[in-house]
Amino acid sequence: MRAVGLAGVLLAMLVARVLVGAHGELRRGDALRMDDDLDAAIVHYRRAAKWYAPGNPWSTEALEALRTLGATAEAEGETERALSAWRGVRGAILSTRSFYVPHPERLAEADAHLADLMASLPPPPIDANKSVEQRRAEHLALLRDVPRPHLGWTLMALFGFAAWVSGAFLFASRAFDEHDRFVAAPARRFAAVFVLGVAAFVIGLRFA
């Protein structure tokens, strides 16, 4: 039960950190946007969007702000700013994917706009004979070709994280008796859980 309680506390702390981070970066982006410092605002909106958790309203609001800035810049011919904003949308979403990709419709929209924008730029010599439509199709195909994390390895990493945190807590709380004397049997057991958890976490992240 203690391990379950610890896991709940850690999860609550993690969620709180995500929400606070997203809110702070979003408000910083809003302030810069009000001061008409749009390029700096895009940076902070992108950071806010990366603080993703299911149901986090501030992460979603940051994505919408990036979308608005990207569409506005595109309409006004500000290609570099539009690229920065739409890349912010795409990068934030892909950086928070796990066994699923959040906001798939926003990702598809960002990919489409990025393909349009990149196709409109002067092509390199190797693509000089290609039409805008051809270049757009090639850019879009590359943008959509994103390797997805492996579900099994991702679950292994999550299991490993839970195991090593629980093992560390249980070692600290049960490897010593009420007189602070070392108790070998539970210490070995919980140390093994800790070591195996760290190994599973590292291996899972490596192959996810």
N, C-alpha and C. Protein backbone atom coordinates (compact mmCIF):
# COMPACT_ATOMS: atom_id res chain seq x y z
N MET A 1 0.82 -1.21 0.00
CA MET A 1 0.00 0.00 0.00
C MET A 1 0.86 1.27 0.00
N ARG A 2 1.99 1.19 0.72
CA ARG A 2 2.86 2.37 0.73
C ARG A 2 3.38 2.68 -0.67
N ALA A 3 3.72 1.61 -1.38
CA ALA A 3 4.23 1.82 -2.75
C ALA A 3 3.17 2.45 -3.63
N VAL A 4 1.92 2.00 -3.47
CA VAL A 4 0.83 2.59 -4.24
C VAL A 4 0.64 4.05 -3.88
N GLY A 5 0.70 4.32 -2.57
CA GLY A 5 0.58 5.71 -2.12
C GLY A 5 1.69 6.59 -2.64
N LEU A 6 2.92 6.04 -2.62
CA LEU A 6 4.06 6.80 -3.14
C LEU A 6 3.89 7.08 -4.62
N ALA A 7 3.46 6.05 -5.36
CA ALA A 7 3.24 6.24 -6.80
C ALA A 7 2.20 7.32 -7.05
N GLY A 8 1.14 7.34 -6.24
CA GLY A 8 0.12 8.37 -6.39
C GLY A 8 0.66 9.76 -6.11
N VAL A 9 1.49 9.88 -5.07
CA VAL A 9 2.09 11.18 -4.73
C VAL A 9 3.01 11.64 -5.86
N LEU A 10 3.84 10.73 -6.36
CA LEU A 10 4.76 11.09 -7.44
C LEU A 10 4.00 11.50 -8.70
N LEU A 11 2.92 10.77 -9.00
CA LEU A 11 2.12 11.12 -10.17
C LEU A 11 1.49 12.50 -10.01
N ALA A 12 0.98 12.78 -8.81
CA ALA A 12 0.37 14.09 -8.55
C ALA A 12 1.42 15.21 -8.69
N MET A 13 2.62 14.96 -8.19
CA MET A 13 3.69 15.95 -8.30
C MET A 13 4.07 16.18 -9.76
N LEU A 14 4.13 15.09 -10.52
CA LEU A 14 4.48 15.21 -11.94
C LEU A 14 3.43 16.00 -12.70
N VAL A 15 2.16 15.69 -12.45
CA VAL A 15 1.08 16.40 -13.13
C VAL A 15 1.10 17.89 -12.76
N ALA A 16 1.32 18.16 -11.46
CA ALA A 16 1.37 19.55 -11.02
C ALA A 16 2.51 20.30 -11.71
N ARG A 17 3.66 19.63 -11.83
CA ARG A 17 4.80 20.28 -12.50
C ARG A 17 4.50 20.57 -13.96
N VAL A 18 3.85 19.62 -14.62
CA VAL A 18 3.47 19.82 -16.02
C VAL A 18 2.52 21.01 -16.16
N LEU A 19 1.51 21.07 -15.31
CA LEU A 19 0.52 22.14 -15.39
C LEU A 19 1.15 23.50 -15.10
N VAL A 20 1.99 23.55 -14.08
CA VAL A 20 2.64 24.82 -13.73
C VAL A 20 3.56 25.27 -14.86
N GLY A 21 4.32 24.33 -15.42
CA GLY A 21 5.22 24.67 -16.52
C GLY A 21 4.47 25.19 -17.73
N ALA A 22 3.40 24.51 -18.10
CA ALA A 22 2.62 24.93 -19.26
C ALA A 22 2.00 26.30 -19.04
N HIS A 23 1.43 26.51 -17.86
CA HIS A 23 0.78 27.79 -17.56
C HIS A 23 1.78 28.94 -17.59
N GLY A 24 2.95 28.74 -16.97
CA GLY A 24 3.95 29.80 -16.92
C GLY A 24 4.47 30.17 -18.30
N GLU A 25 4.78 29.17 -19.11
CA GLU A 25 5.29 29.45 -20.46
C GLU A 25 4.22 30.09 -21.33
N LEU A 26 2.97 29.65 -21.16
CA LEU A 26 1.88 30.23 -21.94
C LEU A 26 1.71 31.70 -21.61
N ARG A 27 1.71 32.04 -20.35
CA ARG A 27 1.53 33.44 -19.95
C ARG A 27 2.70 34.30 -20.42
N ARG A 28 3.91 33.73 -20.40
CA ARG A 28 5.07 34.47 -20.91
C ARG A 28 4.90 34.71 -22.41
N GLY A 29 4.43 33.71 -23.13
CA GLY A 29 4.17 33.88 -24.56
C GLY A 29 3.11 34.93 -24.82
N ASP A 30 2.05 34.93 -24.01
CA ASP A 30 0.99 35.93 -24.17
C ASP A 30 1.54 37.34 -23.97
N ALA A 31 2.39 37.49 -22.95
CA ALA A 31 2.95 38.83 -22.67
C ALA A 31 3.82 39.31 -23.83
N LEU A 32 4.64 38.43 -24.37
CA LEU A 32 5.49 38.80 -25.50
C LEU A 32 4.65 39.10 -26.74
N ARG A 33 3.59 38.37 -26.91
CA ARG A 33 2.70 38.61 -28.05
C ARG A 33 2.04 39.97 -27.93
N MET A 34 1.65 40.35 -26.71
CA MET A 34 1.07 41.67 -26.49
C MET A 34 2.07 42.78 -26.79
N ASP A 35 3.35 42.49 -26.54
CA ASP A 35 4.41 43.46 -26.83
C ASP A 35 4.86 43.40 -28.29
N ASP A 36 4.18 42.57 -29.09
CA ASP A 36 4.47 42.43 -30.51
C ASP A 36 5.83 41.79 -30.78
N ASP A 37 6.34 41.06 -29.79
CA ASP A 37 7.59 40.30 -29.98
C ASP A 37 7.18 38.87 -30.36
N LEU A 38 6.73 38.71 -31.58
CA LEU A 38 6.09 37.45 -31.99
C LEU A 38 7.07 36.29 -32.07
N ASP A 39 8.29 36.55 -32.51
CA ASP A 39 9.26 35.45 -32.62
C ASP A 39 9.59 34.87 -31.25
N ALA A 40 9.76 35.74 -30.26
CA ALA A 40 10.01 35.25 -28.90
C ALA A 40 8.77 34.57 -28.32
N ALA A 41 7.60 35.09 -28.66
CA ALA A 41 6.36 34.47 -28.19
C ALA A 41 6.24 33.04 -28.71
N ILE A 42 6.63 32.81 -29.94
CA ILE A 42 6.58 31.47 -30.52
C ILE A 42 7.43 30.50 -29.72
N VAL A 43 8.59 30.96 -29.28
CA VAL A 43 9.48 30.09 -28.49
C VAL A 43 8.79 29.64 -27.21
N HIS A 44 8.15 30.57 -26.52
CA HIS A 44 7.50 30.23 -25.25
C HIS A 44 6.22 29.44 -25.45
N TYR A 45 5.50 29.72 -26.50
CA TYR A 45 4.32 28.89 -26.81
C TYR A 45 4.74 27.46 -27.11
N ARG A 46 5.83 27.31 -27.82
CA ARG A 46 6.32 25.96 -28.12
C ARG A 46 6.69 25.23 -26.84
N ARG A 47 7.35 25.92 -25.92
CA ARG A 47 7.69 25.30 -24.64
C ARG A 47 6.43 24.93 -23.86
N ALA A 48 5.44 25.82 -23.86
CA ALA A 48 4.19 25.53 -23.16
C ALA A 48 3.50 24.31 -23.75
N ALA A 49 3.50 24.22 -25.07
CA ALA A 49 2.83 23.09 -25.73
C ALA A 49 3.53 21.77 -25.40
N LYS A 50 4.83 21.81 -25.15
CA LYS A 50 5.56 20.58 -24.84
C LYS A 50 5.25 20.06 -23.43
N TRP A 51 4.72 20.93 -22.57
CA TRP A 51 4.30 20.47 -21.24
C TRP A 51 2.93 19.79 -21.38
N TYR A 52 2.94 18.66 -22.05
CA TYR A 52 1.68 17.98 -22.36
C TYR A 52 1.29 16.97 -21.28
N ALA A 53 0.02 16.96 -20.99
CA ALA A 53 -0.60 15.89 -20.21
C ALA A 53 -2.04 15.81 -20.69
N PRO A 54 -2.63 14.63 -20.72
CA PRO A 54 -4.03 14.52 -21.17
C PRO A 54 -4.93 15.48 -20.39
N GLY A 55 -5.66 16.31 -21.12
CA GLY A 55 -6.58 17.25 -20.48
C GLY A 55 -5.95 18.56 -20.06
N ASN A 56 -4.64 18.75 -20.31
CA ASN A 56 -3.98 19.99 -19.92
C ASN A 56 -4.45 21.12 -20.84
N PRO A 57 -5.23 22.08 -20.34
CA PRO A 57 -5.79 23.11 -21.23
C PRO A 57 -4.75 24.09 -21.73
N TRP A 58 -3.70 24.32 -20.94
CA TRP A 58 -2.71 25.33 -21.32
C TRP A 58 -1.80 24.83 -22.44
N SER A 59 -1.51 23.56 -22.47
CA SER A 59 -0.76 23.00 -23.59
C SER A 59 -1.56 23.14 -24.88
N THR A 60 -2.85 22.82 -24.82
CA THR A 60 -3.70 22.95 -26.00
C THR A 60 -3.84 24.41 -26.42
N GLU A 61 -3.96 25.31 -25.45
CA GLU A 61 -4.07 26.74 -25.76
C GLU A 61 -2.80 27.24 -26.44
N ALA A 62 -1.65 26.72 -26.02
CA ALA A 62 -0.40 27.12 -26.66
C ALA A 62 -0.34 26.64 -28.10
N LEU A 63 -0.80 25.43 -28.35
CA LEU A 63 -0.87 24.93 -29.73
C LEU A 63 -1.76 25.81 -30.60
N GLU A 64 -2.88 26.24 -30.03
CA GLU A 64 -3.80 27.09 -30.79
C GLU A 64 -3.16 28.46 -31.06
N ALA A 65 -2.41 28.97 -30.09
CA ALA A 65 -1.72 30.24 -30.30
C ALA A 65 -0.68 30.11 -31.42
N LEU A 66 0.06 29.02 -31.42
CA LEU A 66 1.03 28.79 -32.49
C LEU A 66 0.33 28.67 -33.84
N ARG A 67 -0.79 27.99 -33.85
CA ARG A 67 -1.56 27.83 -35.09
C ARG A 67 -1.98 29.20 -35.62
N THR A 68 -2.49 30.05 -34.74
CA THR A 68 -2.94 31.38 -35.14
C THR A 68 -1.79 32.22 -35.67
N LEU A 69 -0.66 32.18 -34.96
CA LEU A 69 0.50 32.95 -35.41
C LEU A 69 1.02 32.43 -36.75
N GLY A 70 1.01 31.12 -36.91
CA GLY A 70 1.47 30.54 -38.17
C GLY A 70 0.58 30.92 -39.33
N ALA A 71 -0.72 30.82 -39.15
CA ALA A 71 -1.67 31.15 -40.22
C ALA A 71 -1.60 32.63 -40.57
N THR A 72 -1.48 33.48 -39.54
CA THR A 72 -1.41 34.92 -39.78
C THR A 72 -0.13 35.29 -40.53
N ALA A 73 0.99 34.73 -40.08
CA ALA A 73 2.26 35.02 -40.75
C ALA A 73 2.25 34.52 -42.19
N GLU A 74 1.65 33.36 -42.40
CA GLU A 74 1.56 32.81 -43.76
C GLU A 74 0.74 33.71 -44.67
N ALA A 75 -0.38 34.21 -44.14
CA ALA A 75 -1.24 35.09 -44.93
C ALA A 75 -0.55 36.41 -45.25
N GLU A 76 0.34 36.86 -44.36
CA GLU A 76 1.02 38.13 -44.55
C GLU A 76 2.35 37.97 -45.28
N GLY A 77 2.68 36.77 -45.72
CA GLY A 77 3.92 36.56 -46.46
C GLY A 77 5.16 36.47 -45.60
N GLU A 78 4.98 36.32 -44.28
CA GLU A 78 6.12 36.18 -43.37
C GLU A 78 6.49 34.70 -43.28
N THR A 79 7.19 34.23 -44.30
CA THR A 79 7.43 32.79 -44.44
C THR A 79 8.24 32.22 -43.28
N GLU A 80 9.30 32.88 -42.89
CA GLU A 80 10.16 32.35 -41.83
C GLU A 80 9.41 32.24 -40.51
N ARG A 81 8.61 33.26 -40.20
CA ARG A 81 7.84 33.21 -38.96
C ARG A 81 6.76 32.13 -39.04
N ALA A 82 6.15 32.00 -40.19
CA ALA A 82 5.14 30.96 -40.36
C ALA A 82 5.77 29.58 -40.19
N LEU A 83 6.94 29.38 -40.79
CA LEU A 83 7.63 28.11 -40.62
C LEU A 83 7.96 27.84 -39.16
N SER A 84 8.40 28.86 -38.45
CA SER A 84 8.74 28.69 -37.04
C SER A 84 7.51 28.29 -36.22
N ALA A 85 6.39 28.94 -36.47
CA ALA A 85 5.18 28.64 -35.71
C ALA A 85 4.66 27.24 -36.01
N TRP A 86 4.57 26.89 -37.29
CA TRP A 86 4.07 25.56 -37.64
C TRP A 86 5.04 24.47 -37.21
N ARG A 87 6.32 24.74 -37.26
CA ARG A 87 7.29 23.77 -36.74
C ARG A 87 7.14 23.63 -35.23
N GLY A 88 6.77 24.73 -34.58
CA GLY A 88 6.50 24.66 -33.15
C GLY A 88 5.35 23.72 -32.84
N VAL A 89 4.29 23.80 -33.63
CA VAL A 89 3.15 22.89 -33.45
C VAL A 89 3.61 21.45 -33.64
N ARG A 90 4.28 21.21 -34.75
CA ARG A 90 4.70 19.84 -35.08
C ARG A 90 5.68 19.29 -34.05
N GLY A 91 6.69 20.09 -33.72
CA GLY A 91 7.71 19.63 -32.78
C GLY A 91 7.15 19.35 -31.40
N ALA A 92 6.24 20.20 -30.94
CA ALA A 92 5.67 20.01 -29.61
C ALA A 92 4.85 18.72 -29.55
N ILE A 93 4.08 18.47 -30.59
CA ILE A 93 3.25 17.26 -30.60
C ILE A 93 4.11 16.00 -30.67
N LEU A 94 5.09 16.00 -31.57
CA LEU A 94 5.91 14.81 -31.72
C LEU A 94 6.80 14.56 -30.51
N SER A 95 7.19 15.61 -29.81
CA SER A 95 8.05 15.43 -28.64
C SER A 95 7.29 14.84 -27.46
N THR A 96 5.97 14.85 -27.51
CA THR A 96 5.17 14.33 -26.39
C THR A 96 4.48 13.02 -26.74
N ARG A 97 4.80 12.43 -27.90
CA ARG A 97 4.14 11.17 -28.26
C ARG A 97 4.72 10.03 -27.43
N SER A 98 3.92 9.03 -27.20
CA SER A 98 4.38 7.82 -26.52
C SER A 98 3.85 6.65 -27.32
N PHE A 99 2.92 5.87 -26.75
CA PHE A 99 2.29 4.82 -27.54
C PHE A 99 1.14 5.38 -28.37
N TYR A 100 0.88 6.67 -28.26
CA TYR A 100 -0.08 7.35 -29.12
C TYR A 100 0.44 8.76 -29.38
N VAL A 101 -0.09 9.39 -30.42
CA VAL A 101 0.31 10.75 -30.78
C VAL A 101 -0.83 11.68 -30.41
N PRO A 102 -0.60 12.63 -29.51
CA PRO A 102 -1.68 13.56 -29.16
C PRO A 102 -1.96 14.54 -30.30
N HIS A 103 -3.17 15.03 -30.33
CA HIS A 103 -3.59 16.05 -31.31
C HIS A 103 -3.24 15.66 -32.75
N PRO A 104 -3.66 14.51 -33.22
CA PRO A 104 -3.29 14.08 -34.58
C PRO A 104 -3.80 15.03 -35.66
N GLU A 105 -4.98 15.64 -35.43
CA GLU A 105 -5.51 16.55 -36.44
C GLU A 105 -4.67 17.82 -36.54
N ARG A 106 -4.15 18.29 -35.42
CA ARG A 106 -3.28 19.47 -35.45
C ARG A 106 -1.95 19.13 -36.12
N LEU A 107 -1.45 17.94 -35.89
CA LEU A 107 -0.21 17.51 -36.52
C LEU A 107 -0.38 17.45 -38.04
N ALA A 108 -1.50 16.88 -38.50
CA ALA A 108 -1.75 16.79 -39.94
C ALA A 108 -1.86 18.18 -40.56
N GLU A 109 -2.50 19.09 -39.85
CA GLU A 109 -2.62 20.46 -40.36
C GLU A 109 -1.25 21.13 -40.44
N ALA A 110 -0.44 20.96 -39.41
CA ALA A 110 0.90 21.56 -39.42
C ALA A 110 1.75 21.00 -40.56
N ASP A 111 1.68 19.68 -40.76
CA ASP A 111 2.44 19.07 -41.85
C ASP A 111 2.03 19.66 -43.21
N ALA A 112 0.73 19.83 -43.41
CA ALA A 112 0.24 20.37 -44.68
C ALA A 112 0.74 21.79 -44.91
N HIS A 113 0.70 22.62 -43.86
CA HIS A 113 1.17 24.00 -44.01
C HIS A 113 2.68 24.05 -44.22
N LEU A 114 3.40 23.21 -43.50
CA LEU A 114 4.85 23.19 -43.67
C LEU A 114 5.23 22.75 -45.08
N ALA A 115 4.52 21.77 -45.61
CA ALA A 115 4.79 21.33 -46.98
C ALA A 115 4.54 22.46 -47.97
N ASP A 116 3.44 23.19 -47.79
CA ASP A 116 3.14 24.34 -48.65
C ASP A 116 4.24 25.39 -48.59
N LEU A 117 4.65 25.71 -47.36
CA LEU A 117 5.64 26.76 -47.18
C LEU A 117 6.99 26.37 -47.74
N MET A 118 7.43 25.16 -47.47
CA MET A 118 8.74 24.72 -47.96
C MET A 118 8.76 24.59 -49.47
N ALA A 119 7.63 24.20 -50.05
CA ALA A 119 7.55 24.10 -51.51
C ALA A 119 7.58 25.47 -52.17
N SER A 120 7.17 26.50 -51.43
CA SER A 120 7.15 27.85 -51.99
C SER A 120 8.53 28.52 -51.98
N LEU A 121 9.47 27.95 -51.23
CA LEU A 121 10.82 28.52 -51.17
C LEU A 121 11.60 28.19 -52.44
N PRO A 122 12.60 29.00 -52.76
CA PRO A 122 13.44 28.68 -53.93
C PRO A 122 14.05 27.30 -53.77
N PRO A 123 13.89 26.44 -54.76
CA PRO A 123 14.37 25.06 -54.61
C PRO A 123 15.87 24.97 -54.76
N PRO A 124 16.49 23.95 -54.17
CA PRO A 124 17.92 23.71 -54.41
C PRO A 124 18.12 23.25 -55.85
N PRO A 125 19.34 23.31 -56.35
CA PRO A 125 19.58 22.94 -57.75
C PRO A 125 19.06 21.56 -58.13
N ILE A 126 19.14 20.61 -57.20
CA ILE A 126 18.71 19.25 -57.53
C ILE A 126 17.20 19.16 -57.79
N ASP A 127 16.45 20.12 -57.24
CA ASP A 127 14.99 20.12 -57.43
C ASP A 127 14.52 21.21 -58.38
N ALA A 128 15.44 21.81 -59.09
CA ALA A 128 15.09 22.97 -59.92
C ALA A 128 14.07 22.64 -61.00
N ASN A 129 14.06 21.43 -61.49
CA ASN A 129 13.15 21.06 -62.57
C ASN A 129 11.81 20.50 -62.07
N LYS A 130 11.64 20.46 -60.78
CA LYS A 130 10.40 19.93 -60.22
C LYS A 130 9.39 21.05 -60.04
N SER A 131 8.13 20.72 -60.22
CA SER A 131 7.08 21.71 -60.03
C SER A 131 6.85 21.92 -58.53
N VAL A 132 6.13 23.00 -58.23
CA VAL A 132 5.78 23.27 -56.83
C VAL A 132 4.98 22.11 -56.25
N GLU A 133 4.06 21.57 -57.06
CA GLU A 133 3.23 20.45 -56.58
C GLU A 133 4.08 19.23 -56.26
N GLN A 134 5.08 18.94 -57.10
CA GLN A 134 5.96 17.81 -56.84
C GLN A 134 6.76 18.02 -55.55
N ARG A 135 7.29 19.23 -55.40
CA ARG A 135 8.09 19.49 -54.19
C ARG A 135 7.21 19.41 -52.95
N ARG A 136 5.98 19.92 -53.06
CA ARG A 136 5.07 19.85 -51.92
C ARG A 136 4.79 18.40 -51.54
N ALA A 137 4.52 17.57 -52.53
CA ALA A 137 4.22 16.17 -52.26
C ALA A 137 5.40 15.47 -51.59
N GLU A 138 6.61 15.79 -52.05
CA GLU A 138 7.80 15.17 -51.46
C GLU A 138 8.01 15.64 -50.02
N HIS A 139 7.84 16.93 -49.79
CA HIS A 139 7.97 17.45 -48.43
C HIS A 139 6.93 16.81 -47.51
N LEU A 140 5.70 16.71 -47.98
CA LEU A 140 4.64 16.15 -47.15
C LEU A 140 4.91 14.69 -46.83
N ALA A 141 5.42 13.95 -47.80
CA ALA A 141 5.73 12.53 -47.56
C ALA A 141 6.81 12.38 -46.50
N LEU A 142 7.82 13.26 -46.55
CA LEU A 142 8.89 13.20 -45.55
C LEU A 142 8.38 13.59 -44.17
N LEU A 143 7.53 14.59 -44.11
CA LEU A 143 7.00 15.03 -42.83
C LEU A 143 6.13 13.96 -42.17
N ARG A 144 5.43 13.22 -42.99
CA ARG A 144 4.53 12.19 -42.45
C ARG A 144 5.24 10.88 -42.13
N ASP A 145 6.48 10.75 -42.59
CA ASP A 145 7.24 9.53 -42.34
C ASP A 145 7.96 9.65 -41.00
N VAL A 146 7.20 9.53 -39.93
CA VAL A 146 7.74 9.67 -38.57
C VAL A 146 7.70 8.31 -37.88
N PRO A 147 8.86 7.78 -37.51
CA PRO A 147 8.86 6.49 -36.78
C PRO A 147 8.10 6.62 -35.47
N ARG A 148 7.26 5.67 -35.17
CA ARG A 148 6.47 5.71 -33.94
C ARG A 148 7.15 4.87 -32.87
N PRO A 149 7.04 5.28 -31.62
CA PRO A 149 7.63 4.48 -30.53
C PRO A 149 7.04 3.08 -30.49
N HIS A 150 7.85 2.13 -30.09
CA HIS A 150 7.40 0.75 -29.97
C HIS A 150 6.64 0.58 -28.66
N LEU A 151 5.41 0.08 -28.75
CA LEU A 151 4.56 -0.01 -27.57
C LEU A 151 5.19 -0.86 -26.48
N GLY A 152 5.73 -2.01 -26.84
CA GLY A 152 6.28 -2.91 -25.83
C GLY A 152 7.44 -2.29 -25.07
N TRP A 153 8.38 -1.66 -25.80
CA TRP A 153 9.52 -1.03 -25.13
C TRP A 153 9.09 0.18 -24.30
N THR A 154 8.09 0.90 -24.78
CA THR A 154 7.58 2.05 -24.01
C THR A 154 6.99 1.58 -22.69
N LEU A 155 6.19 0.52 -22.72
CA LEU A 155 5.61 -0.02 -21.50
C LEU A 155 6.70 -0.54 -20.57
N MET A 156 7.74 -1.11 -21.14
CA MET A 156 8.85 -1.59 -20.33
C MET A 156 9.54 -0.43 -19.61
N ALA A 157 9.73 0.67 -20.31
CA ALA A 157 10.35 1.85 -19.69
C ALA A 157 9.48 2.39 -18.55
N LEU A 158 8.18 2.45 -18.78
CA LEU A 158 7.28 2.93 -17.74
C LEU A 158 7.27 1.99 -16.53
N PHE A 159 7.26 0.68 -16.79
CA PHE A 159 7.32 -0.29 -15.70
C PHE A 159 8.63 -0.15 -14.93
N GLY A 160 9.74 0.01 -15.67
CA GLY A 160 11.03 0.17 -15.02
C GLY A 160 11.08 1.40 -14.14
N PHE A 161 10.51 2.49 -14.62
CA PHE A 161 10.48 3.71 -13.82
C PHE A 161 9.73 3.49 -12.51
N ALA A 162 8.54 2.87 -12.62
CA ALA A 162 7.76 2.60 -11.41
C ALA A 162 8.50 1.66 -10.47
N ALA A 163 9.21 0.68 -11.04
CA ALA A 163 9.92 -0.30 -10.21
C ALA A 163 11.09 0.33 -9.46
N TRP A 164 11.89 1.14 -10.15
CA TRP A 164 13.05 1.68 -9.44
C TRP A 164 12.68 2.73 -8.41
N VAL A 165 11.63 3.50 -8.68
CA VAL A 165 11.16 4.47 -7.67
C VAL A 165 10.62 3.73 -6.45
N SER A 166 9.80 2.71 -6.70
CA SER A 166 9.24 1.93 -5.60
C SER A 166 10.34 1.20 -4.83
N GLY A 167 11.31 0.63 -5.57
CA GLY A 167 12.41 -0.08 -4.91
C GLY A 167 13.23 0.84 -4.03
N ALA A 168 13.50 2.05 -4.51
CA ALA A 168 14.27 3.00 -3.71
C ALA A 168 13.51 3.40 -2.44
N PHE A 169 12.21 3.64 -2.60
CA PHE A 169 11.41 4.03 -1.43
C PHE A 169 11.34 2.90 -0.42
N LEU A 170 11.09 1.68 -0.88
CA LEU A 170 10.96 0.54 0.03
C LEU A 170 12.30 0.21 0.69
N PHE A 171 13.39 0.37 -0.04
CA PHE A 171 14.71 0.15 0.56
C PHE A 171 14.94 1.14 1.70
N ALA A 172 14.62 2.40 1.44
CA ALA A 172 14.84 3.43 2.47
C ALA A 172 13.95 3.23 3.68
N SER A 173 12.75 2.69 3.47
CA SER A 173 11.80 2.58 4.59
C SER A 173 11.82 1.23 5.30
N ARG A 174 12.35 0.17 4.62
CA ARG A 174 12.25 -1.17 5.21
C ARG A 174 13.57 -1.91 5.34
N ALA A 175 14.63 -1.34 4.82
CA ALA A 175 15.93 -2.02 4.94
C ALA A 175 16.58 -1.76 6.29
N PHE A 176 15.94 -0.98 7.12
CA PHE A 176 16.45 -0.69 8.46
C PHE A 176 15.30 -0.86 9.45
N ASP A 177 15.62 -1.42 10.63
CA ASP A 177 14.56 -1.61 11.63
C ASP A 177 14.37 -0.36 12.46
N GLU A 178 13.55 -0.48 13.49
CA GLU A 178 13.23 0.71 14.29
C GLU A 178 14.42 1.25 15.06
N HIS A 179 15.49 0.45 15.14
CA HIS A 179 16.71 0.89 15.83
C HIS A 179 17.80 1.28 14.82
N ASP A 180 17.38 1.47 13.57
CA ASP A 180 18.29 1.86 12.49
C ASP A 180 19.37 0.81 12.23
N ARG A 181 19.03 -0.46 12.49
CA ARG A 181 19.95 -1.53 12.16
C ARG A 181 19.61 -2.09 10.78
N PHE A 182 20.65 -2.38 10.02
CA PHE A 182 20.47 -2.87 8.66
C PHE A 182 19.86 -4.27 8.68
N VAL A 183 18.82 -4.47 7.86
CA VAL A 183 18.14 -5.76 7.76
C VAL A 183 18.43 -6.31 6.37
N ALA A 184 19.21 -7.37 6.31
CA ALA A 184 19.75 -7.83 5.04
C ALA A 184 18.71 -8.35 4.06
N ALA A 185 17.78 -9.17 4.55
CA ALA A 185 16.84 -9.83 3.63
C ALA A 185 16.00 -8.84 2.82
N PRO A 186 15.25 -7.93 3.46
CA PRO A 186 14.48 -6.97 2.66
C PRO A 186 15.37 -6.01 1.88
N ALA A 187 16.55 -5.72 2.42
CA ALA A 187 17.46 -4.82 1.70
C ALA A 187 17.87 -5.43 0.37
N ARG A 188 18.22 -6.72 0.37
CA ARG A 188 18.59 -7.37 -0.89
C ARG A 188 17.41 -7.39 -1.87
N ARG A 189 16.23 -7.67 -1.33
CA ARG A 189 15.05 -7.76 -2.18
C ARG A 189 14.73 -6.43 -2.85
N PHE A 190 14.72 -5.37 -2.07
CA PHE A 190 14.35 -4.07 -2.63
C PHE A 190 15.48 -3.46 -3.46
N ALA A 191 16.72 -3.80 -3.11
CA ALA A 191 17.83 -3.36 -3.95
C ALA A 191 17.76 -4.02 -5.33
N ALA A 192 17.36 -5.29 -5.34
CA ALA A 192 17.20 -5.98 -6.63
C ALA A 192 16.10 -5.35 -7.45
N VAL A 193 14.98 -4.98 -6.81
CA VAL A 193 13.89 -4.31 -7.51
C VAL A 193 14.38 -2.99 -8.10
N PHE A 194 15.16 -2.26 -7.32
CA PHE A 194 15.69 -0.97 -7.79
C PHE A 194 16.60 -1.17 -9.01
N VAL A 195 17.54 -2.11 -8.91
CA VAL A 195 18.49 -2.32 -9.99
C VAL A 195 17.78 -2.81 -11.26
N LEU A 196 16.88 -3.76 -11.10
CA LEU A 196 16.15 -4.27 -12.26
C LEU A 196 15.26 -3.18 -12.87
N GLY A 197 14.69 -2.34 -12.02
CA GLY A 197 13.86 -1.23 -12.52
C GLY A 197 14.66 -0.25 -13.34
N VAL A 198 15.85 0.12 -12.85
CA VAL A 198 16.71 1.04 -13.59
C VAL A 198 17.11 0.43 -14.93
N ALA A 199 17.46 -0.87 -14.90
CA ALA A 199 17.86 -1.54 -16.14
C ALA A 199 16.71 -1.57 -17.14
N ALA A 200 15.50 -1.89 -16.66
CA ALA A 200 14.34 -1.94 -17.55
C ALA A 200 14.03 -0.56 -18.11
N PHE A 201 14.18 0.45 -17.28
CA PHE A 201 13.91 1.82 -17.72
C PHE A 201 14.88 2.25 -18.82
N VAL A 202 16.16 2.00 -18.60
CA VAL A 202 17.18 2.41 -19.57
C VAL A 202 17.02 1.63 -20.88
N ILE A 203 16.82 0.32 -20.78
CA ILE A 203 16.67 -0.49 -21.98
C ILE A 203 15.40 -0.11 -22.75
N GLY A 204 14.31 0.11 -22.00
CA GLY A 204 13.06 0.52 -22.65
C GLY A 204 13.19 1.82 -23.40
N LEU A 205 13.85 2.80 -22.79
CA LEU A 205 14.06 4.09 -23.47
C LEU A 205 14.97 3.91 -24.69
N ARG A 206 15.94 3.03 -24.57
CA ARG A 206 16.89 2.84 -25.68
C ARG A 206 16.19 2.33 -26.93
N PHE A 207 15.24 1.43 -26.77
CA PHE A 207 14.63 0.80 -27.92
C PHE A 207 13.21 1.28 -28.23
N ALA A 208 12.67 2.16 -27.40
CA ALA A 208 11.32 2.64 -27.65
C ALA A 208 11.26 3.47 -28.91
